[in-house]
Amino acid sequence: MTEGQLRLLGLGARAGSLTIGTNGVRAALQRGDLALVVVAKDVSGRTQQKVLRLAQAKGIRCLSGPTAVALGRALGRASVQAVGVRDAHLAAGIIGEAEPVNARRT
């Protein structure tokens, strides 16, 4: 994820256009409120199972972000494993060059 994409996430946080945290992202996915999900590249297996499966089932694109600490720092938090973007225009601006989670190699 680029610095520009992280800045857009930070702007989205300040604008109230994000859902931050695994539980909130899961709930927003279940309601159909998200246009994009960003997960930390060091996401736990449990979070991966909870968030990514649900996002894929709902047809919501998932992007791999930086580490949880770096993602949290961009959002003014200590550590964040998952972020949901509610605004479709913001999501379109963030998508850019980020590597889809599905394409990650383990």
N, C-alpha and C. Protein backbone atom coordinates (compact mmCIF):
# COMPACT_ATOMS: atom_id res chain seq x y z
N MET A 1 0.85 -1.17 0.00
CA MET A 1 0.00 0.00 0.00
C MET A 1 0.90 1.23 0.00
N THR A 2 0.56 2.19 -0.81
CA THR A 2 1.40 3.38 -0.96
C THR A 2 1.11 4.39 0.16
N GLU A 3 2.02 5.35 0.30
CA GLU A 3 1.83 6.42 1.28
C GLU A 3 0.57 7.23 0.93
N GLY A 4 0.33 7.44 -0.36
CA GLY A 4 -0.86 8.17 -0.78
C GLY A 4 -2.14 7.45 -0.36
N GLN A 5 -2.14 6.14 -0.49
CA GLN A 5 -3.31 5.37 -0.08
C GLN A 5 -3.51 5.44 1.43
N LEU A 6 -2.40 5.40 2.18
CA LEU A 6 -2.50 5.53 3.63
C LEU A 6 -3.02 6.92 4.02
N ARG A 7 -2.59 7.95 3.29
CA ARG A 7 -3.10 9.30 3.56
C ARG A 7 -4.60 9.38 3.31
N LEU A 8 -5.05 8.72 2.22
CA LEU A 8 -6.48 8.69 1.94
C LEU A 8 -7.26 7.98 3.06
N LEU A 9 -6.70 6.90 3.58
CA LEU A 9 -7.33 6.23 4.71
C LEU A 9 -7.40 7.17 5.92
N GLY A 10 -6.33 7.90 6.16
CA GLY A 10 -6.32 8.86 7.27
C GLY A 10 -7.38 9.94 7.09
N LEU A 11 -7.53 10.43 5.86
CA LEU A 11 -8.57 11.43 5.57
C LEU A 11 -9.95 10.82 5.79
N GLY A 12 -10.11 9.57 5.36
CA GLY A 12 -11.38 8.88 5.55
C GLY A 12 -11.71 8.72 7.01
N ALA A 13 -10.69 8.45 7.84
CA ALA A 13 -10.91 8.32 9.28
C ALA A 13 -11.38 9.64 9.86
N ARG A 14 -10.73 10.73 9.46
CA ARG A 14 -11.12 12.05 9.96
C ARG A 14 -12.51 12.45 9.49
N ALA A 15 -12.90 11.98 8.30
CA ALA A 15 -14.22 12.31 7.75
C ALA A 15 -15.32 11.38 8.27
N GLY A 16 -14.94 10.35 9.00
CA GLY A 16 -15.93 9.41 9.52
C GLY A 16 -16.42 8.42 8.47
N SER A 17 -15.60 8.17 7.44
CA SER A 17 -15.99 7.28 6.34
C SER A 17 -15.46 5.87 6.49
N LEU A 18 -14.84 5.57 7.63
CA LEU A 18 -14.25 4.25 7.84
C LEU A 18 -14.90 3.52 9.00
N THR A 19 -14.83 2.22 8.94
CA THR A 19 -15.15 1.37 10.08
C THR A 19 -13.84 0.72 10.48
N ILE A 20 -13.40 0.94 11.70
CA ILE A 20 -12.08 0.50 12.13
C ILE A 20 -12.20 -0.64 13.14
N GLY A 21 -11.47 -1.72 12.87
CA GLY A 21 -11.45 -2.86 13.78
C GLY A 21 -12.21 -4.05 13.23
N THR A 22 -11.75 -5.22 13.61
CA THR A 22 -12.29 -6.47 13.09
C THR A 22 -13.79 -6.62 13.33
N ASN A 23 -14.24 -6.41 14.55
CA ASN A 23 -15.66 -6.60 14.86
C ASN A 23 -16.54 -5.61 14.10
N GLY A 24 -16.13 -4.36 14.04
CA GLY A 24 -16.89 -3.35 13.32
C GLY A 24 -16.94 -3.63 11.83
N VAL A 25 -15.81 -4.08 11.28
CA VAL A 25 -15.76 -4.41 9.86
C VAL A 25 -16.68 -5.58 9.55
N ARG A 26 -16.66 -6.59 10.40
CA ARG A 26 -17.55 -7.75 10.20
C ARG A 26 -19.01 -7.33 10.22
N ALA A 27 -19.37 -6.51 11.19
CA ALA A 27 -20.77 -6.06 11.30
C ALA A 27 -21.17 -5.22 10.08
N ALA A 28 -20.28 -4.33 9.64
CA ALA A 28 -20.57 -3.50 8.47
C ALA A 28 -20.68 -4.34 7.20
N LEU A 29 -19.86 -5.37 7.09
CA LEU A 29 -19.96 -6.28 5.95
C LEU A 29 -21.31 -6.99 5.95
N GLN A 30 -21.74 -7.44 7.11
CA GLN A 30 -23.02 -8.15 7.21
C GLN A 30 -24.19 -7.24 6.85
N ARG A 31 -24.07 -5.94 7.14
CA ARG A 31 -25.11 -4.98 6.80
C ARG A 31 -25.03 -4.52 5.34
N GLY A 32 -23.89 -4.82 4.68
CA GLY A 32 -23.70 -4.37 3.30
C GLY A 32 -23.28 -2.92 3.20
N ASP A 33 -22.60 -2.41 4.22
CA ASP A 33 -22.23 -1.00 4.29
C ASP A 33 -20.86 -0.65 3.71
N LEU A 34 -20.07 -1.64 3.29
CA LEU A 34 -18.69 -1.35 2.88
C LEU A 34 -18.48 -1.46 1.38
N ALA A 35 -17.57 -0.61 0.89
CA ALA A 35 -17.17 -0.64 -0.51
C ALA A 35 -15.79 -1.28 -0.67
N LEU A 36 -15.02 -1.36 0.42
CA LEU A 36 -13.65 -1.86 0.37
C LEU A 36 -13.22 -2.27 1.77
N VAL A 37 -12.40 -3.30 1.84
CA VAL A 37 -11.80 -3.72 3.12
C VAL A 37 -10.29 -3.73 2.94
N VAL A 38 -9.59 -3.16 3.91
CA VAL A 38 -8.12 -3.19 3.94
C VAL A 38 -7.72 -3.96 5.19
N VAL A 39 -6.87 -4.96 5.02
CA VAL A 39 -6.39 -5.73 6.16
C VAL A 39 -4.87 -5.60 6.26
N ALA A 40 -4.38 -5.62 7.48
CA ALA A 40 -2.94 -5.55 7.70
C ALA A 40 -2.27 -6.79 7.12
N LYS A 41 -1.06 -6.61 6.63
CA LYS A 41 -0.37 -7.75 6.02
C LYS A 41 0.02 -8.80 7.06
N ASP A 42 0.05 -8.41 8.32
CA ASP A 42 0.36 -9.37 9.37
C ASP A 42 -0.90 -9.76 10.15
N VAL A 43 -2.03 -9.74 9.47
CA VAL A 43 -3.32 -10.06 10.07
C VAL A 43 -3.29 -11.48 10.66
N SER A 44 -3.95 -11.64 11.79
CA SER A 44 -3.98 -12.96 12.41
C SER A 44 -4.85 -13.92 11.59
N GLY A 45 -4.60 -15.20 11.74
CA GLY A 45 -5.39 -16.20 11.03
C GLY A 45 -6.86 -16.11 11.37
N ARG A 46 -7.17 -15.81 12.62
CA ARG A 46 -8.57 -15.69 13.05
C ARG A 46 -9.25 -14.51 12.36
N THR A 47 -8.58 -13.37 12.31
CA THR A 47 -9.14 -12.20 11.64
C THR A 47 -9.29 -12.47 10.15
N GLN A 48 -8.28 -13.10 9.59
CA GLN A 48 -8.34 -13.42 8.17
C GLN A 48 -9.56 -14.28 7.88
N GLN A 49 -9.78 -15.26 8.71
CA GLN A 49 -10.92 -16.15 8.53
C GLN A 49 -12.24 -15.39 8.69
N LYS A 50 -12.33 -14.54 9.71
CA LYS A 50 -13.56 -13.81 9.98
C LYS A 50 -13.87 -12.76 8.91
N VAL A 51 -12.89 -11.94 8.58
CA VAL A 51 -13.12 -10.79 7.72
C VAL A 51 -13.05 -11.14 6.23
N LEU A 52 -11.99 -11.80 5.82
CA LEU A 52 -11.79 -12.03 4.40
C LEU A 52 -12.85 -12.94 3.79
N ARG A 53 -13.22 -13.98 4.50
CA ARG A 53 -14.26 -14.88 3.98
C ARG A 53 -15.58 -14.15 3.80
N LEU A 54 -15.94 -13.36 4.78
CA LEU A 54 -17.19 -12.62 4.70
C LEU A 54 -17.16 -11.59 3.57
N ALA A 55 -16.05 -10.87 3.45
CA ALA A 55 -15.92 -9.88 2.38
C ALA A 55 -16.02 -10.55 1.02
N GLN A 56 -15.34 -11.66 0.86
CA GLN A 56 -15.39 -12.37 -0.42
C GLN A 56 -16.79 -12.88 -0.71
N ALA A 57 -17.48 -13.37 0.31
CA ALA A 57 -18.84 -13.86 0.13
C ALA A 57 -19.79 -12.73 -0.27
N LYS A 58 -19.51 -11.51 0.20
CA LYS A 58 -20.33 -10.35 -0.12
C LYS A 58 -19.88 -9.65 -1.40
N GLY A 59 -18.76 -10.12 -1.98
CA GLY A 59 -18.26 -9.51 -3.22
C GLY A 59 -17.56 -8.19 -3.00
N ILE A 60 -17.02 -7.98 -1.81
CA ILE A 60 -16.31 -6.74 -1.48
C ILE A 60 -14.82 -6.96 -1.66
N ARG A 61 -14.19 -6.06 -2.38
CA ARG A 61 -12.76 -6.16 -2.64
C ARG A 61 -11.96 -5.99 -1.36
N CYS A 62 -10.91 -6.78 -1.22
CA CYS A 62 -10.01 -6.72 -0.07
C CYS A 62 -8.61 -6.38 -0.54
N LEU A 63 -7.98 -5.45 0.14
CA LEU A 63 -6.61 -5.06 -0.17
C LEU A 63 -5.70 -5.35 1.01
N SER A 64 -4.48 -5.69 0.69
CA SER A 64 -3.47 -5.91 1.71
C SER A 64 -2.81 -4.57 2.04
N GLY A 65 -2.84 -4.23 3.32
CA GLY A 65 -2.24 -2.99 3.76
C GLY A 65 -0.87 -3.22 4.35
N PRO A 66 -0.36 -2.24 5.08
CA PRO A 66 0.92 -2.40 5.77
C PRO A 66 0.71 -3.24 7.02
N THR A 67 1.68 -3.28 7.90
CA THR A 67 1.53 -4.00 9.16
C THR A 67 0.41 -3.35 9.98
N ALA A 68 -0.08 -4.08 10.97
CA ALA A 68 -1.15 -3.56 11.83
C ALA A 68 -0.72 -2.29 12.55
N VAL A 69 0.53 -2.21 12.95
CA VAL A 69 1.04 -1.02 13.63
C VAL A 69 1.07 0.17 12.68
N ALA A 70 1.56 -0.03 11.45
CA ALA A 70 1.62 1.05 10.47
C ALA A 70 0.22 1.49 10.05
N LEU A 71 -0.69 0.54 9.89
CA LEU A 71 -2.06 0.88 9.54
C LEU A 71 -2.71 1.68 10.68
N GLY A 72 -2.50 1.23 11.90
CA GLY A 72 -3.02 1.97 13.05
C GLY A 72 -2.46 3.37 13.13
N ARG A 73 -1.17 3.50 12.89
CA ARG A 73 -0.51 4.81 12.94
C ARG A 73 -1.15 5.76 11.93
N ALA A 74 -1.46 5.27 10.73
CA ALA A 74 -2.08 6.11 9.70
C ALA A 74 -3.47 6.57 10.12
N LEU A 75 -4.10 5.81 11.02
CA LEU A 75 -5.46 6.12 11.46
C LEU A 75 -5.50 6.73 12.85
N GLY A 76 -4.34 7.03 13.41
CA GLY A 76 -4.28 7.63 14.73
C GLY A 76 -4.56 6.65 15.85
N ARG A 77 -4.26 5.39 15.62
CA ARG A 77 -4.49 4.34 16.62
C ARG A 77 -3.18 3.58 16.85
N ALA A 78 -3.20 2.70 17.84
CA ALA A 78 -2.01 1.92 18.14
C ALA A 78 -1.79 0.81 17.12
N SER A 79 -2.80 0.00 16.87
CA SER A 79 -2.67 -1.14 15.98
C SER A 79 -4.05 -1.48 15.44
N VAL A 80 -4.15 -1.67 14.12
CA VAL A 80 -5.43 -1.97 13.49
C VAL A 80 -5.23 -3.09 12.48
N GLN A 81 -6.00 -4.17 12.62
CA GLN A 81 -5.87 -5.29 11.70
C GLN A 81 -6.80 -5.20 10.50
N ALA A 82 -7.95 -4.52 10.65
CA ALA A 82 -8.91 -4.44 9.54
C ALA A 82 -9.60 -3.09 9.54
N VAL A 83 -9.81 -2.57 8.32
CA VAL A 83 -10.49 -1.29 8.13
C VAL A 83 -11.49 -1.47 6.99
N GLY A 84 -12.68 -0.97 7.20
CA GLY A 84 -13.69 -0.98 6.15
C GLY A 84 -13.92 0.44 5.66
N VAL A 85 -14.01 0.60 4.34
CA VAL A 85 -14.26 1.91 3.74
C VAL A 85 -15.72 1.94 3.31
N ARG A 86 -16.49 2.87 3.87
CA ARG A 86 -17.92 2.94 3.56
C ARG A 86 -18.21 3.79 2.33
N ASP A 87 -17.40 4.78 2.05
CA ASP A 87 -17.62 5.69 0.93
C ASP A 87 -17.05 5.11 -0.37
N ALA A 88 -17.91 4.92 -1.37
CA ALA A 88 -17.48 4.31 -2.63
C ALA A 88 -16.45 5.15 -3.37
N HIS A 89 -16.57 6.48 -3.30
CA HIS A 89 -15.60 7.35 -3.98
C HIS A 89 -14.23 7.27 -3.31
N LEU A 90 -14.22 7.24 -2.00
CA LEU A 90 -12.96 7.08 -1.28
C LEU A 90 -12.34 5.73 -1.59
N ALA A 91 -13.16 4.69 -1.61
CA ALA A 91 -12.67 3.34 -1.93
C ALA A 91 -12.02 3.32 -3.31
N ALA A 92 -12.65 3.98 -4.28
CA ALA A 92 -12.09 4.02 -5.65
C ALA A 92 -10.73 4.72 -5.66
N GLY A 93 -10.59 5.75 -4.84
CA GLY A 93 -9.31 6.46 -4.77
C GLY A 93 -8.22 5.64 -4.10
N ILE A 94 -8.59 4.78 -3.18
CA ILE A 94 -7.62 3.97 -2.44
C ILE A 94 -7.16 2.76 -3.25
N ILE A 95 -8.05 2.18 -4.04
CA ILE A 95 -7.76 0.91 -4.71
C ILE A 95 -6.44 0.94 -5.46
N GLY A 96 -6.23 1.87 -6.34
CA GLY A 96 -4.95 2.06 -7.01
C GLY A 96 -4.10 0.83 -7.21
N GLU A 97 -2.91 0.84 -6.61
CA GLU A 97 -1.90 -0.19 -6.84
C GLU A 97 -1.80 -1.24 -5.76
N ALA A 98 -2.63 -1.17 -4.74
CA ALA A 98 -2.48 -2.12 -3.62
C ALA A 98 -2.69 -3.54 -4.10
N GLU A 99 -1.95 -4.44 -3.52
CA GLU A 99 -2.01 -5.86 -3.87
C GLU A 99 -3.23 -6.51 -3.24
N PRO A 100 -4.10 -7.14 -4.05
CA PRO A 100 -5.25 -7.83 -3.46
C PRO A 100 -4.80 -8.92 -2.49
N VAL A 101 -5.53 -9.09 -1.41
CA VAL A 101 -5.19 -10.10 -0.41
C VAL A 101 -5.17 -11.48 -1.05
N ASN A 102 -6.10 -11.75 -1.95
CA ASN A 102 -6.19 -13.07 -2.58
C ASN A 102 -4.93 -13.43 -3.34
N ALA A 103 -4.19 -12.43 -3.79
CA ALA A 103 -3.01 -12.70 -4.60
C ALA A 103 -1.75 -12.88 -3.76
N ARG A 104 -1.88 -12.66 -2.44
CA ARG A 104 -0.70 -12.81 -1.58
C ARG A 104 -0.20 -14.23 -1.60
N ARG A 105 1.09 -14.35 -1.53
CA ARG A 105 1.70 -15.67 -1.45
C ARG A 105 2.08 -15.93 -0.03
N THR A 106 1.88 -17.16 0.41
CA THR A 106 2.23 -17.49 1.79
C THR A 106 3.49 -18.31 1.84
